[in-house]
Amino acid sequence: MITVNINRETLDLNQNESLTLGQAIELIESEGTQPNEVVTAITIGKEKFNLESLGELVDEDIDNLGSPLIEIKNNYEIAFEALTDSNGYIDTIAAKITEVVGYYSENDVDMANTHFSELIDLVDLFIQLISKVHRTVKTYNPDFFKSNDTIRNLEIHLLSILKALIPAKEKNDIIMLSDLLEYELADNLAQWKIKAIPLMLESKID
């Protein structure tokens, strides 16, 4: 029998054969968690790893790792952690906007285009993240959002900005691109920090 610690509680895995850490994680997620829960981190000794940073440790026999602590969280907890990190992500996008607009103002079109593509990728990831977070927190507290369209309006506005950027980019309209980025997109992202993210944080049910 193999024993692991999950969120400070002990779980016995009824296995006659040895297990690698990766196999143990798969077994726990299939048999030891609720449908809305996932393994998010592993603490080995005094060092904490997220799943992406485990590297070759996933192939290590779990018996050789000194009773690792496996951390499980539900999607609601993960959503609020993502919200907490969102302000920093928005700051990263804002810095990229400043870079792109700066290159356009210097007429360095090649550098502007390179950083523009990176900017669009960042915004796309933000939209995916914030949409998923919004759906999750709204599911747990629907009444809180029933009469508030702040987030929906900001999502619509953000998508409309991205839509407007496409023809401006195709026409190489630097003035239009700069205005859309420096004013429209930057302001929309600021509103997420000022209004939408605090609103979702306020909706949390303890």
C-alpha atoms as a PDB file:
ATOM      1  CA  MET A   1       0.000   0.000   0.000  1.00  0.00           C
ATOM      2  CA  ILE A   2       1.276   3.474  -0.910  1.00  0.00           C
ATOM      3  CA  THR A   3       0.400   6.449   1.291  1.00  0.00           C
ATOM      4  CA  VAL A   4       0.438  10.089   0.134  1.00  0.00           C
ATOM      5  CA  ASN A   5      -0.453  13.346   1.873  1.00  0.00           C
ATOM      6  CA  ILE A   6      -3.158  15.398   0.195  1.00  0.00           C
ATOM      7  CA  ASN A   7      -3.856  18.858   1.602  1.00  0.00           C
ATOM      8  CA  ARG A   8      -2.364  17.654   4.918  1.00  0.00           C
ATOM      9  CA  GLU A   9      -4.631  14.586   4.962  1.00  0.00           C
ATOM     10  CA  THR A  10      -3.483  11.027   4.321  1.00  0.00           C
ATOM     11  CA  LEU A  11      -4.721   8.944   1.391  1.00  0.00           C
ATOM     12  CA  ASP A  12      -3.857   5.273   0.933  1.00  0.00           C
ATOM     13  CA  LEU A  13      -3.441   4.146  -2.660  1.00  0.00           C
ATOM     14  CA  ASN A  14      -4.167   0.432  -2.804  1.00  0.00           C
ATOM     15  CA  GLN A  15      -1.328  -0.481  -5.101  1.00  0.00           C
ATOM     16  CA  ASN A  16       0.809  -3.604  -4.860  1.00  0.00           C
ATOM     17  CA  GLU A  17       3.378  -2.209  -7.259  1.00  0.00           C
ATOM     18  CA  SER A  18       5.435   0.947  -6.945  1.00  0.00           C
ATOM     19  CA  LEU A  19       4.164   4.165  -8.497  1.00  0.00           C
ATOM     20  CA  THR A  20       5.928   7.093 -10.086  1.00  0.00           C
ATOM     21  CA  LEU A  21       4.882  10.564  -8.992  1.00  0.00           C
ATOM     22  CA  GLY A  22       3.180  11.094 -12.353  1.00  0.00           C
ATOM     23  CA  GLN A  23       1.191   7.875 -12.010  1.00  0.00           C
ATOM     24  CA  ALA A  24       0.188   8.816  -8.464  1.00  0.00           C
ATOM     25  CA  ILE A  25      -1.092  12.198  -9.660  1.00  0.00           C
ATOM     26  CA  GLU A  26      -3.160  10.525 -12.393  1.00  0.00           C
ATOM     27  CA  LEU A  27      -4.558   8.005  -9.908  1.00  0.00           C
ATOM     28  CA  ILE A  28      -5.455  10.714  -7.394  1.00  0.00           C
ATOM     29  CA  GLU A  29      -7.190  12.840 -10.031  1.00  0.00           C
ATOM     30  CA  SER A  30      -9.219   9.856 -11.237  1.00  0.00           C
ATOM     31  CA  GLU A  31     -10.099   8.344  -7.849  1.00  0.00           C
ATOM     32  CA  GLY A  32      -9.301  10.784  -5.048  1.00  0.00           C
ATOM     33  CA  THR A  33     -10.825  14.072  -6.185  1.00  0.00           C
ATOM     34  CA  GLN A  34     -14.220  15.581  -6.887  1.00  0.00           C
ATOM     35  CA  PRO A  35     -15.167  16.406 -10.517  1.00  0.00           C
ATOM     36  CA  ASN A  36     -14.293  20.095 -10.026  1.00  0.00           C
ATOM     37  CA  GLU A  37     -10.921  19.432  -8.341  1.00  0.00           C
ATOM     38  CA  VAL A  38      -7.419  19.092  -9.771  1.00  0.00           C
ATOM     39  CA  VAL A  39      -3.900  18.616  -8.458  1.00  0.00           C
ATOM     40  CA  THR A  40      -2.230  22.038  -8.529  1.00  0.00           C
ATOM     41  CA  ALA A  41       1.107  21.641  -6.744  1.00  0.00           C
ATOM     42  CA  ILE A  42       3.473  19.174  -5.093  1.00  0.00           C
ATOM     43  CA  THR A  43       5.706  19.878  -2.104  1.00  0.00           C
ATOM     44  CA  ILE A  44       8.769  17.643  -1.894  1.00  0.00           C
ATOM     45  CA  GLY A  45      10.835  18.254   1.198  1.00  0.00           C
ATOM     46  CA  LYS A  46      10.663  22.017   1.627  1.00  0.00           C
ATOM     47  CA  GLU A  47      10.348  22.838  -2.065  1.00  0.00           C
ATOM     48  CA  LYS A  48       7.008  23.477  -3.761  1.00  0.00           C
ATOM     49  CA  PHE A  49       6.517  22.691  -7.450  1.00  0.00           C
ATOM     50  CA  ASN A  50       3.640  23.468  -9.768  1.00  0.00           C
ATOM     51  CA  LEU A  51       2.892  20.640 -12.195  1.00  0.00           C
ATOM     52  CA  GLU A  52       4.661  22.357 -15.089  1.00  0.00           C
ATOM     53  CA  SER A  53       7.938  22.610 -13.160  1.00  0.00           C
ATOM     54  CA  LEU A  54       8.165  18.991 -11.962  1.00  0.00           C
ATOM     55  CA  GLY A  55      10.294  17.932 -14.919  1.00  0.00           C
ATOM     56  CA  GLU A  56      11.932  14.534 -14.437  1.00  0.00           C
ATOM     57  CA  LEU A  57      10.436  14.200 -10.949  1.00  0.00           C
ATOM     58  CA  VAL A  58       7.219  12.877 -12.522  1.00  0.00           C
ATOM     59  CA  ASP A  59       9.115   9.685 -13.409  1.00  0.00           C
ATOM     60  CA  GLU A  60      10.585   9.269  -9.912  1.00  0.00           C
ATOM     61  CA  ASP A  61       9.287   6.458  -7.690  1.00  0.00           C
ATOM     62  CA  ILE A  62       7.030   8.161  -5.158  1.00  0.00           C
ATOM     63  CA  ASP A  63       8.548   6.061  -2.344  1.00  0.00           C
ATOM     64  CA  ASN A  64      11.861   7.826  -2.987  1.00  0.00           C
ATOM     65  CA  LEU A  65      10.414  11.316  -2.556  1.00  0.00           C
ATOM     66  CA  GLY A  66       9.865  11.306   1.196  1.00  0.00           C
ATOM     67  CA  SER A  67       6.062  11.528   1.476  1.00  0.00           C
ATOM     68  CA  PRO A  68       5.376  14.430  -0.910  1.00  0.00           C
ATOM     69  CA  LEU A  69       2.468  16.728  -0.084  1.00  0.00           C
ATOM     70  CA  ILE A  70       0.021  16.859  -2.976  1.00  0.00           C
ATOM     71  CA  GLU A  71      -2.107  19.997  -3.148  1.00  0.00           C
ATOM     72  CA  ILE A  72      -5.618  19.809  -4.558  1.00  0.00           C
ATOM     73  CA  LYS A  73      -7.868  22.768  -5.274  1.00  0.00           C
ATOM     74  CA  ASN A  74     -11.308  23.176  -6.801  1.00  0.00           C
ATOM     75  CA  ASN A  75     -12.054  25.404  -9.764  1.00  0.00           C
ATOM     76  CA  TYR A  76     -13.538  28.104  -7.509  1.00  0.00           C
ATOM     77  CA  GLU A  77     -10.296  28.455  -5.527  1.00  0.00           C
ATOM     78  CA  ILE A  78      -8.261  28.446  -8.733  1.00  0.00           C
ATOM     79  CA  ALA A  79     -10.493  31.146 -10.242  1.00  0.00           C
ATOM     80  CA  PHE A  80      -9.868  33.523  -7.355  1.00  0.00           C
ATOM     81  CA  GLU A  81      -6.142  32.849  -7.435  1.00  0.00           C
ATOM     82  CA  ALA A  82      -6.220  33.750 -11.129  1.00  0.00           C
ATOM     83  CA  LEU A  83      -8.124  36.937 -10.304  1.00  0.00           C
ATOM     84  CA  THR A  84      -5.473  37.925  -7.790  1.00  0.00           C
ATOM     85  CA  ASP A  85      -2.815  37.465 -10.483  1.00  0.00           C
ATOM     86  CA  SER A  86      -4.833  39.279 -13.166  1.00  0.00           C
ATOM     87  CA  ASN A  87      -3.716  42.780 -12.221  1.00  0.00           C
ATOM     88  CA  GLY A  88      -0.103  41.834 -12.833  1.00  0.00           C
ATOM     89  CA  TYR A  89      -1.055  40.286 -16.176  1.00  0.00           C
ATOM     90  CA  ILE A  90      -2.859  43.484 -17.168  1.00  0.00           C
ATOM     91  CA  ASP A  91       0.255  45.478 -16.247  1.00  0.00           C
ATOM     92  CA  THR A  92       2.264  43.229 -18.584  1.00  0.00           C
ATOM     93  CA  ILE A  93      -0.174  43.934 -21.429  1.00  0.00           C
ATOM     94  CA  ALA A  94      -0.098  47.674 -20.675  1.00  0.00           C
ATOM     95  CA  ALA A  95       3.708  47.654 -20.868  1.00  0.00           C
ATOM     96  CA  LYS A  96       3.516  45.868 -24.215  1.00  0.00           C
ATOM     97  CA  ILE A  97       1.043  48.499 -25.491  1.00  0.00           C
ATOM     98  CA  THR A  98       3.536  51.220 -24.559  1.00  0.00           C
ATOM     99  CA  GLU A  99       6.281  49.363 -26.450  1.00  0.00           C
ATOM    100  CA  VAL A 100       4.204  48.953 -29.608  1.00  0.00           C
ATOM    101  CA  VAL A 101       2.991  52.563 -29.644  1.00  0.00           C
ATOM    102  CA  GLY A 102       6.572  53.712 -29.032  1.00  0.00           C
ATOM    103  CA  TYR A 103       7.837  51.776 -32.051  1.00  0.00           C
ATOM    104  CA  TYR A 104       5.034  53.163 -34.211  1.00  0.00           C
ATOM    105  CA  SER A 105       5.861  56.721 -33.110  1.00  0.00           C
ATOM    106  CA  GLU A 106       9.492  56.103 -34.120  1.00  0.00           C
ATOM    107  CA  ASN A 107       8.275  54.677 -37.448  1.00  0.00           C
ATOM    108  CA  ASP A 108      10.020  51.389 -36.647  1.00  0.00           C
ATOM    109  CA  VAL A 109       7.337  49.315 -38.333  1.00  0.00           C
ATOM    110  CA  ASP A 110       9.177  45.981 -38.230  1.00  0.00           C
ATOM    111  CA  MET A 111       9.681  46.100 -34.461  1.00  0.00           C
ATOM    112  CA  ALA A 112       6.156  47.431 -33.988  1.00  0.00           C
ATOM    113  CA  ASN A 113       4.703  44.535 -35.980  1.00  0.00           C
ATOM    114  CA  THR A 114       6.699  41.962 -34.004  1.00  0.00           C
ATOM    115  CA  HIS A 115       5.562  43.352 -30.665  1.00  0.00           C
ATOM    116  CA  PHE A 116       2.031  43.872 -31.989  1.00  0.00           C
ATOM    117  CA  SER A 117       1.715  40.121 -32.612  1.00  0.00           C
ATOM    118  CA  GLU A 118       2.965  39.424 -29.086  1.00  0.00           C
ATOM    119  CA  LEU A 119       0.468  41.945 -27.726  1.00  0.00           C
ATOM    120  CA  ILE A 120      -2.467  40.303 -29.502  1.00  0.00           C
ATOM    121  CA  ASP A 121      -1.406  36.910 -28.124  1.00  0.00           C
ATOM    122  CA  LEU A 122      -1.338  38.362 -24.595  1.00  0.00           C
ATOM    123  CA  VAL A 123      -4.779  39.926 -25.007  1.00  0.00           C
ATOM    124  CA  ASP A 124      -6.206  36.677 -26.414  1.00  0.00           C
ATOM    125  CA  LEU A 125      -4.910  34.768 -23.389  1.00  0.00           C
ATOM    126  CA  PHE A 126      -6.354  37.407 -21.065  1.00  0.00           C
ATOM    127  CA  ILE A 127      -9.777  37.109 -22.714  1.00  0.00           C
ATOM    128  CA  GLN A 128      -9.718  33.310 -22.384  1.00  0.00           C
ATOM    129  CA  LEU A 129      -8.620  33.530 -18.744  1.00  0.00           C
ATOM    130  CA  ILE A 130     -11.021  36.214 -17.606  1.00  0.00           C
ATOM    131  CA  SER A 131     -13.982  34.654 -19.458  1.00  0.00           C
ATOM    132  CA  LYS A 132     -13.360  31.299 -17.782  1.00  0.00           C
ATOM    133  CA  VAL A 133     -12.935  32.945 -14.374  1.00  0.00           C
ATOM    134  CA  HIS A 134     -16.123  34.966 -14.835  1.00  0.00           C
ATOM    135  CA  ARG A 135     -18.128  31.859 -15.761  1.00  0.00           C
ATOM    136  CA  THR A 136     -16.810  30.036 -12.702  1.00  0.00           C
ATOM    137  CA  VAL A 137     -17.448  32.746 -10.107  1.00  0.00           C
ATOM    138  CA  LYS A 138     -20.849  33.489 -11.644  1.00  0.00           C
ATOM    139  CA  THR A 139     -21.838  29.813 -11.379  1.00  0.00           C
ATOM    140  CA  TYR A 140     -21.178  29.824  -7.635  1.00  0.00           C
ATOM    141  CA  ASN A 141     -22.909  33.165  -6.954  1.00  0.00           C
ATOM    142  CA  PRO A 142     -25.359  33.907  -9.802  1.00  0.00           C
ATOM    143  CA  ASP A 143     -27.530  36.338  -7.833  1.00  0.00           C
ATOM    144  CA  PHE A 144     -24.579  38.649  -7.266  1.00  0.00           C
ATOM    145  CA  PHE A 145     -24.158  39.228 -11.011  1.00  0.00           C
ATOM    146  CA  LYS A 146     -27.825  39.148 -11.983  1.00  0.00           C
ATOM    147  CA  SER A 147     -28.305  42.927 -12.261  1.00  0.00           C
ATOM    148  CA  ASN A 148     -24.737  43.941 -13.079  1.00  0.00           C
ATOM    149  CA  ASP A 149     -23.535  44.092 -16.692  1.00  0.00           C
ATOM    150  CA  THR A 150     -20.124  45.635 -15.966  1.00  0.00           C
ATOM    151  CA  ILE A 151     -18.119  42.557 -16.925  1.00  0.00           C
ATOM    152  CA  ARG A 152     -20.234  41.683 -19.950  1.00  0.00           C
ATOM    153  CA  ASN A 153     -19.958  45.256 -21.275  1.00  0.00           C
ATOM    154  CA  LEU A 154     -16.191  45.293 -20.819  1.00  0.00           C
ATOM    155  CA  GLU A 155     -15.891  41.940 -22.615  1.00  0.00           C
ATOM    156  CA  ILE A 156     -17.960  43.220 -25.543  1.00  0.00           C
ATOM    157  CA  HIS A 157     -15.922  46.430 -25.707  1.00  0.00           C
ATOM    158  CA  LEU A 158     -12.635  44.513 -25.580  1.00  0.00           C
ATOM    159  CA  LEU A 159     -13.702  42.231 -28.427  1.00  0.00           C
ATOM    160  CA  SER A 160     -14.828  45.234 -30.487  1.00  0.00           C
ATOM    161  CA  ILE A 161     -11.391  46.831 -30.018  1.00  0.00           C
ATOM    162  CA  LEU A 162      -9.685  43.674 -31.273  1.00  0.00           C
ATOM    163  CA  LYS A 163     -12.061  43.587 -34.232  1.00  0.00           C
ATOM    164  CA  ALA A 164     -11.236  47.222 -35.080  1.00  0.00           C
ATOM    165  CA  LEU A 165      -7.496  46.541 -34.861  1.00  0.00           C
ATOM    166  CA  ILE A 166      -7.613  44.006 -37.716  1.00  0.00           C
ATOM    167  CA  PRO A 167      -8.520  46.391 -40.592  1.00  0.00           C
ATOM    168  CA  ALA A 168      -6.268  49.099 -39.143  1.00  0.00           C
ATOM    169  CA  LYS A 169      -3.374  46.638 -39.167  1.00  0.00           C
ATOM    170  CA  GLU A 170      -4.179  45.424 -42.688  1.00  0.00           C
ATOM    171  CA  LYS A 171      -4.192  49.036 -43.955  1.00  0.00           C
ATOM    172  CA  ASN A 172      -1.041  49.824 -41.987  1.00  0.00           C
ATOM    173  CA  ASP A 173      -2.911  52.779 -40.503  1.00  0.00           C
ATOM    174  CA  ILE A 174      -0.408  53.677 -37.801  1.00  0.00           C
ATOM    175  CA  ILE A 175      -2.440  56.593 -36.453  1.00  0.00           C
ATOM    176  CA  MET A 176      -5.554  54.438 -36.031  1.00  0.00           C
ATOM    177  CA  LEU A 177      -3.549  51.570 -34.535  1.00  0.00           C
ATOM    178  CA  SER A 178      -1.839  53.860 -32.043  1.00  0.00           C
ATOM    179  CA  ASP A 179      -5.121  55.467 -31.007  1.00  0.00           C
ATOM    180  CA  LEU A 180      -6.849  52.107 -30.563  1.00  0.00           C
ATOM    181  CA  LEU A 181      -3.978  50.747 -28.510  1.00  0.00           C
ATOM    182  CA  GLU A 182      -3.017  53.787 -26.459  1.00  0.00           C
ATOM    183  CA  TYR A 183      -6.528  54.963 -25.649  1.00  0.00           C
ATOM    184  CA  GLU A 184      -9.201  52.327 -26.311  1.00  0.00           C
ATOM    185  CA  LEU A 185      -7.348  49.156 -25.294  1.00  0.00           C
ATOM    186  CA  ALA A 186      -5.386  50.750 -22.446  1.00  0.00           C
ATOM    187  CA  ASP A 187      -8.565  52.293 -21.020  1.00  0.00           C
ATOM    188  CA  ASN A 188     -10.507  49.038 -21.293  1.00  0.00           C
ATOM    189  CA  LEU A 189      -7.798  47.154 -19.408  1.00  0.00           C
ATOM    190  CA  ALA A 190      -7.707  49.874 -16.755  1.00  0.00           C
ATOM    191  CA  GLN A 191     -11.452  49.404 -16.251  1.00  0.00           C
ATOM    192  CA  TRP A 192     -10.890  45.687 -15.626  1.00  0.00           C
ATOM    193  CA  LYS A 193      -8.521  46.625 -12.805  1.00  0.00           C
ATOM    194  CA  ILE A 194     -10.754  49.363 -11.401  1.00  0.00           C
ATOM    195  CA  LYS A 195     -14.191  47.766 -11.763  1.00  0.00           C
ATOM    196  CA  ALA A 196     -14.429  44.194 -13.029  1.00  0.00           C
ATOM    197  CA  ILE A 197     -11.756  42.380 -11.032  1.00  0.00           C
ATOM    198  CA  PRO A 198     -12.754  44.003  -7.695  1.00  0.00           C
ATOM    199  CA  LEU A 199     -16.375  43.129  -8.500  1.00  0.00           C
ATOM    200  CA  MET A 200     -15.559  39.459  -9.026  1.00  0.00           C
ATOM    201  CA  LEU A 201     -13.419  39.388  -5.888  1.00  0.00           C
ATOM    202  CA  GLU A 202     -16.326  40.900  -3.968  1.00  0.00           C
ATOM    203  CA  SER A 203     -18.583  38.062  -5.127  1.00  0.00           C
ATOM    204  CA  LYS A 204     -16.539  35.429  -3.286  1.00  0.00           C
ATOM    205  CA  ILE A 205     -18.480  33.137  -0.982  1.00  0.00           C
ATOM    206  CA  ASP A 206     -16.405  31.926   1.980  1.00  0.00           C
END
